Amino acid sequence: MDDRPRATADVARALGAARRHGQVLVAFGAESGEEGLARKRAMLTDKNVDLVVYNDVGRDDIGFDSPDNEVVLVSHAGDRAVGKASKPEIAREILDEVERCSTPDRE
């Protein structure tokens, strides 16, 4: 078995480069801390996306092995923290933000 790391395709960057008028692109990122959040903010321009959903994986009370999550929605309009809630509620908040990004007066 080959355990060496391999480069993977940057799907978000490829989609951002090929985006069509009217599309809203959302990227997701799981990191930890303020440095991770800063990298997610940079994704807006680096990957040409409208919204980045930042998951702080440095906590054990939210995320993958928990029924709850807490995210920061990063857009060109700024950051919006979504407090700890059930994953279906987090999904609703993400979809609400996507709808805001798709309005004609968006950046």
N, C-alpha and C. Protein backbone atom coordinates (compact mmCIF):
# COMPACT_ATOMS: atom_id res chain seq x y z
N MET A 1 0.84 -1.18 0.00
CA MET A 1 0.00 0.00 0.00
C MET A 1 0.89 1.25 0.00
N ASP A 2 0.51 2.22 -0.79
CA ASP A 2 1.26 3.47 -0.89
C ASP A 2 0.62 4.52 0.02
N ASP A 3 1.32 4.89 1.10
CA ASP A 3 0.79 5.85 2.07
C ASP A 3 1.28 7.27 1.85
N ARG A 4 1.99 7.50 0.76
CA ARG A 4 2.51 8.84 0.50
C ARG A 4 1.37 9.80 0.17
N PRO A 5 1.48 11.05 0.63
CA PRO A 5 0.44 12.04 0.29
C PRO A 5 0.41 12.30 -1.21
N ARG A 6 -0.77 12.52 -1.73
CA ARG A 6 -0.94 12.83 -3.15
C ARG A 6 -1.71 14.13 -3.29
N ALA A 7 -1.36 14.85 -4.30
CA ALA A 7 -2.09 16.09 -4.60
C ALA A 7 -3.50 15.74 -5.06
N THR A 8 -4.45 16.53 -4.64
CA THR A 8 -5.83 16.33 -5.08
C THR A 8 -6.28 17.55 -5.87
N ALA A 9 -7.30 17.37 -6.65
CA ALA A 9 -7.85 18.48 -7.44
C ALA A 9 -8.51 19.50 -6.51
N ASP A 10 -8.33 20.76 -6.81
CA ASP A 10 -8.96 21.83 -6.05
C ASP A 10 -10.31 22.10 -6.70
N VAL A 11 -11.32 21.41 -6.24
CA VAL A 11 -12.64 21.48 -6.84
C VAL A 11 -13.22 22.89 -6.73
N ALA A 12 -13.09 23.52 -5.57
CA ALA A 12 -13.64 24.87 -5.40
C ALA A 12 -13.01 25.85 -6.37
N ARG A 13 -11.70 25.77 -6.54
CA ARG A 13 -11.02 26.68 -7.47
C ARG A 13 -11.48 26.43 -8.91
N ALA A 14 -11.61 25.17 -9.27
CA ALA A 14 -12.06 24.83 -10.63
C ALA A 14 -13.47 25.34 -10.89
N LEU A 15 -14.36 25.18 -9.92
CA LEU A 15 -15.72 25.68 -10.08
C LEU A 15 -15.75 27.20 -10.15
N GLY A 16 -14.94 27.85 -9.31
CA GLY A 16 -14.87 29.31 -9.33
C GLY A 16 -14.36 29.84 -10.66
N ALA A 17 -13.41 29.14 -11.24
CA ALA A 17 -12.86 29.57 -12.53
C ALA A 17 -13.85 29.39 -13.67
N ALA A 18 -14.77 28.45 -13.52
CA ALA A 18 -15.72 28.14 -14.59
C ALA A 18 -17.12 28.64 -14.30
N ARG A 19 -17.27 29.47 -13.28
CA ARG A 19 -18.62 29.88 -12.87
C ARG A 19 -19.33 30.66 -13.96
N ARG A 20 -20.64 30.50 -13.98
CA ARG A 20 -21.49 31.18 -14.94
C ARG A 20 -22.28 32.28 -14.23
N HIS A 21 -22.75 33.22 -14.99
CA HIS A 21 -23.56 34.31 -14.45
C HIS A 21 -24.75 33.74 -13.67
N GLY A 22 -24.97 34.27 -12.49
CA GLY A 22 -26.12 33.87 -11.69
C GLY A 22 -25.84 32.72 -10.72
N GLN A 23 -24.71 32.06 -10.85
CA GLN A 23 -24.39 30.97 -9.93
C GLN A 23 -23.96 31.53 -8.58
N VAL A 24 -24.32 30.81 -7.53
CA VAL A 24 -23.83 31.11 -6.19
C VAL A 24 -22.98 29.91 -5.78
N LEU A 25 -21.71 30.17 -5.53
CA LEU A 25 -20.81 29.09 -5.15
C LEU A 25 -20.52 29.14 -3.65
N VAL A 26 -20.64 27.97 -3.03
CA VAL A 26 -20.42 27.83 -1.59
C VAL A 26 -19.29 26.82 -1.38
N ALA A 27 -18.32 27.20 -0.57
CA ALA A 27 -17.24 26.28 -0.21
C ALA A 27 -17.34 26.00 1.29
N PHE A 28 -16.86 24.86 1.68
CA PHE A 28 -16.87 24.46 3.09
C PHE A 28 -15.44 24.21 3.53
N GLY A 29 -15.12 24.60 4.76
CA GLY A 29 -13.77 24.38 5.25
C GLY A 29 -13.77 24.02 6.72
N ALA A 30 -13.06 22.97 7.05
CA ALA A 30 -12.93 22.51 8.43
C ALA A 30 -11.49 22.75 8.88
N GLU A 31 -11.33 23.68 9.79
CA GLU A 31 -10.02 24.00 10.37
C GLU A 31 -10.25 24.39 11.81
N SER A 32 -9.24 24.99 12.44
CA SER A 32 -9.45 25.43 13.81
C SER A 32 -8.80 26.79 14.04
N GLY A 33 -9.40 27.54 14.93
CA GLY A 33 -8.84 28.81 15.38
C GLY A 33 -8.99 29.96 14.41
N GLU A 34 -8.45 31.09 14.86
CA GLU A 34 -8.52 32.33 14.06
C GLU A 34 -7.72 32.21 12.76
N GLU A 35 -6.62 31.48 12.79
CA GLU A 35 -5.83 31.31 11.57
C GLU A 35 -6.63 30.54 10.52
N GLY A 36 -7.36 29.53 10.95
CA GLY A 36 -8.21 28.78 10.03
C GLY A 36 -9.30 29.66 9.45
N LEU A 37 -9.89 30.50 10.31
CA LEU A 37 -10.93 31.42 9.85
C LEU A 37 -10.35 32.40 8.84
N ALA A 38 -9.15 32.89 9.07
CA ALA A 38 -8.51 33.82 8.13
C ALA A 38 -8.30 33.14 6.77
N ARG A 39 -7.91 31.87 6.79
CA ARG A 39 -7.74 31.15 5.51
C ARG A 39 -9.07 31.00 4.79
N LYS A 40 -10.15 30.83 5.53
CA LYS A 40 -11.47 30.71 4.90
C LYS A 40 -11.89 32.05 4.31
N ARG A 41 -11.57 33.15 4.96
CA ARG A 41 -11.87 34.47 4.39
C ARG A 41 -11.14 34.65 3.06
N ALA A 42 -9.91 34.20 3.00
CA ALA A 42 -9.11 34.33 1.76
C ALA A 42 -9.71 33.52 0.63
N MET A 43 -10.43 32.46 0.95
CA MET A 43 -11.04 31.62 -0.09
C MET A 43 -12.04 32.38 -0.94
N LEU A 44 -12.66 33.43 -0.39
CA LEU A 44 -13.64 34.19 -1.17
C LEU A 44 -13.03 34.67 -2.48
N THR A 45 -11.84 35.22 -2.41
CA THR A 45 -11.20 35.72 -3.63
C THR A 45 -10.31 34.66 -4.28
N ASP A 46 -9.59 33.88 -3.47
CA ASP A 46 -8.69 32.87 -4.03
C ASP A 46 -9.43 31.84 -4.88
N LYS A 47 -10.64 31.51 -4.46
CA LYS A 47 -11.40 30.45 -5.16
C LYS A 47 -12.61 31.01 -5.91
N ASN A 48 -12.83 32.33 -5.81
CA ASN A 48 -13.94 32.98 -6.51
C ASN A 48 -15.30 32.39 -6.09
N VAL A 49 -15.50 32.31 -4.77
CA VAL A 49 -16.77 31.80 -4.25
C VAL A 49 -17.52 32.93 -3.54
N ASP A 50 -18.80 32.72 -3.32
CA ASP A 50 -19.65 33.72 -2.69
C ASP A 50 -19.74 33.55 -1.17
N LEU A 51 -19.60 32.31 -0.74
CA LEU A 51 -19.81 32.00 0.67
C LEU A 51 -18.89 30.86 1.06
N VAL A 52 -18.29 30.99 2.24
CA VAL A 52 -17.50 29.90 2.81
C VAL A 52 -18.11 29.58 4.17
N VAL A 53 -18.38 28.31 4.39
CA VAL A 53 -18.89 27.84 5.68
C VAL A 53 -17.69 27.30 6.45
N TYR A 54 -17.35 28.00 7.53
CA TYR A 54 -16.18 27.64 8.34
C TYR A 54 -16.63 26.80 9.54
N ASN A 55 -16.10 25.60 9.60
CA ASN A 55 -16.32 24.67 10.71
C ASN A 55 -15.07 24.65 11.56
N ASP A 56 -15.17 25.03 12.82
CA ASP A 56 -14.02 24.95 13.72
C ASP A 56 -13.97 23.55 14.31
N VAL A 57 -13.05 22.75 13.83
CA VAL A 57 -12.96 21.35 14.27
C VAL A 57 -12.11 21.18 15.53
N GLY A 58 -11.74 22.28 16.15
CA GLY A 58 -10.95 22.21 17.37
C GLY A 58 -11.77 21.95 18.62
N ARG A 59 -13.07 21.80 18.47
CA ARG A 59 -13.95 21.56 19.61
C ARG A 59 -14.55 20.18 19.51
N ASP A 60 -14.75 19.54 20.67
CA ASP A 60 -15.32 18.19 20.63
C ASP A 60 -16.82 18.17 20.93
N ASP A 61 -17.41 19.35 21.22
CA ASP A 61 -18.85 19.39 21.51
C ASP A 61 -19.70 19.71 20.28
N ILE A 62 -19.04 19.91 19.15
CA ILE A 62 -19.75 20.19 17.89
C ILE A 62 -19.06 19.44 16.76
N GLY A 63 -19.73 19.34 15.63
CA GLY A 63 -19.08 18.81 14.43
C GLY A 63 -19.40 17.37 14.12
N PHE A 64 -18.41 16.68 13.64
CA PHE A 64 -18.58 15.36 13.05
C PHE A 64 -19.27 14.35 13.96
N ASP A 65 -18.85 14.24 15.20
CA ASP A 65 -19.39 13.22 16.09
C ASP A 65 -20.45 13.75 17.04
N SER A 66 -21.06 14.85 16.71
CA SER A 66 -22.05 15.49 17.57
C SER A 66 -23.32 15.77 16.76
N PRO A 67 -24.47 15.78 17.42
CA PRO A 67 -25.70 16.14 16.71
C PRO A 67 -25.79 17.64 16.43
N ASP A 68 -24.90 18.42 17.05
CA ASP A 68 -24.92 19.87 16.90
C ASP A 68 -23.68 20.35 16.15
N ASN A 69 -23.78 21.58 15.68
CA ASN A 69 -22.64 22.21 15.04
C ASN A 69 -22.71 23.71 15.33
N GLU A 70 -21.65 24.39 14.98
CA GLU A 70 -21.56 25.84 15.10
C GLU A 70 -20.63 26.27 13.99
N VAL A 71 -21.04 27.23 13.18
CA VAL A 71 -20.24 27.63 12.02
C VAL A 71 -20.15 29.14 11.94
N VAL A 72 -19.24 29.59 11.10
CA VAL A 72 -19.17 31.00 10.72
C VAL A 72 -19.39 31.04 9.22
N LEU A 73 -20.36 31.85 8.80
CA LEU A 73 -20.65 32.04 7.38
C LEU A 73 -19.85 33.26 6.92
N VAL A 74 -18.91 33.03 6.03
CA VAL A 74 -18.00 34.07 5.56
C VAL A 74 -18.42 34.47 4.15
N SER A 75 -18.78 35.74 3.98
CA SER A 75 -19.17 36.24 2.66
C SER A 75 -18.49 37.58 2.43
N HIS A 76 -18.69 38.12 1.24
CA HIS A 76 -18.11 39.43 0.93
C HIS A 76 -18.72 40.52 1.79
N ALA A 77 -19.90 40.28 2.34
CA ALA A 77 -20.55 41.25 3.22
C ALA A 77 -20.02 41.17 4.64
N GLY A 78 -19.23 40.15 4.96
CA GLY A 78 -18.68 39.99 6.30
C GLY A 78 -18.95 38.61 6.85
N ASP A 79 -18.60 38.43 8.11
CA ASP A 79 -18.78 37.15 8.78
C ASP A 79 -20.08 37.16 9.57
N ARG A 80 -20.73 36.00 9.61
CA ARG A 80 -21.92 35.85 10.45
C ARG A 80 -21.80 34.54 11.21
N ALA A 81 -21.64 34.66 12.53
CA ALA A 81 -21.54 33.47 13.37
C ALA A 81 -22.92 32.86 13.55
N VAL A 82 -22.99 31.56 13.39
CA VAL A 82 -24.22 30.81 13.65
C VAL A 82 -23.93 29.97 14.89
N GLY A 83 -24.58 30.32 15.98
CA GLY A 83 -24.31 29.65 17.25
C GLY A 83 -24.68 28.18 17.24
N LYS A 84 -24.26 27.51 18.28
CA LYS A 84 -24.47 26.08 18.41
C LYS A 84 -25.95 25.74 18.26
N ALA A 85 -26.21 24.83 17.33
CA ALA A 85 -27.59 24.43 17.02
C ALA A 85 -27.55 23.05 16.38
N SER A 86 -28.73 22.49 16.18
CA SER A 86 -28.80 21.18 15.51
C SER A 86 -28.31 21.33 14.07
N LYS A 87 -27.85 20.25 13.51
CA LYS A 87 -27.35 20.30 12.14
C LYS A 87 -28.43 20.70 11.14
N PRO A 88 -29.68 20.26 11.30
CA PRO A 88 -30.72 20.76 10.38
C PRO A 88 -30.91 22.28 10.48
N GLU A 89 -30.80 22.83 11.69
CA GLU A 89 -30.93 24.28 11.85
C GLU A 89 -29.74 25.00 11.20
N ILE A 90 -28.55 24.45 11.35
CA ILE A 90 -27.37 25.02 10.70
C ILE A 90 -27.56 25.01 9.18
N ALA A 91 -28.08 23.91 8.66
CA ALA A 91 -28.33 23.82 7.21
C ALA A 91 -29.31 24.90 6.75
N ARG A 92 -30.35 25.15 7.54
CA ARG A 92 -31.32 26.21 7.19
C ARG A 92 -30.63 27.58 7.16
N GLU A 93 -29.75 27.82 8.12
CA GLU A 93 -29.03 29.10 8.15
C GLU A 93 -28.12 29.25 6.93
N ILE A 94 -27.48 28.16 6.53
CA ILE A 94 -26.62 28.20 5.34
C ILE A 94 -27.46 28.51 4.11
N LEU A 95 -28.61 27.85 3.98
CA LEU A 95 -29.48 28.10 2.82
C LEU A 95 -30.02 29.51 2.82
N ASP A 96 -30.34 30.05 3.99
CA ASP A 96 -30.78 31.45 4.08
C ASP A 96 -29.68 32.38 3.58
N GLU A 97 -28.44 32.08 3.94
CA GLU A 97 -27.32 32.92 3.50
C GLU A 97 -27.10 32.80 2.00
N VAL A 98 -27.27 31.60 1.46
CA VAL A 98 -27.17 31.41 0.01
C VAL A 98 -28.22 32.27 -0.69
N GLU A 99 -29.42 32.29 -0.14
CA GLU A 99 -30.47 33.12 -0.73
C GLU A 99 -30.08 34.60 -0.70
N ARG A 100 -29.49 35.05 0.40
CA ARG A 100 -29.04 36.45 0.47
C ARG A 100 -27.96 36.71 -0.57
N CYS A 101 -27.08 35.75 -0.78
CA CYS A 101 -26.01 35.91 -1.79
C CYS A 101 -26.56 35.96 -3.21
N SER A 102 -27.73 35.41 -3.41
CA SER A 102 -28.26 35.32 -4.77
C SER A 102 -29.14 36.50 -5.15
N THR A 103 -29.30 37.46 -4.26
CA THR A 103 -30.12 38.62 -4.59
C THR A 103 -29.38 39.49 -5.61
N PRO A 104 -30.11 40.22 -6.45
CA PRO A 104 -29.47 40.99 -7.52
C PRO A 104 -28.49 42.04 -7.05
N ASP A 105 -28.63 42.56 -5.83
CA ASP A 105 -27.74 43.63 -5.37
C ASP A 105 -26.51 43.10 -4.65
N ARG A 106 -26.25 41.81 -4.78
CA ARG A 106 -25.06 41.27 -4.11
C ARG A 106 -23.80 41.77 -4.78
N GLU A 107 -22.69 41.64 -4.06
CA GLU A 107 -21.40 42.07 -4.62
C GLU A 107 -20.94 41.12 -5.69
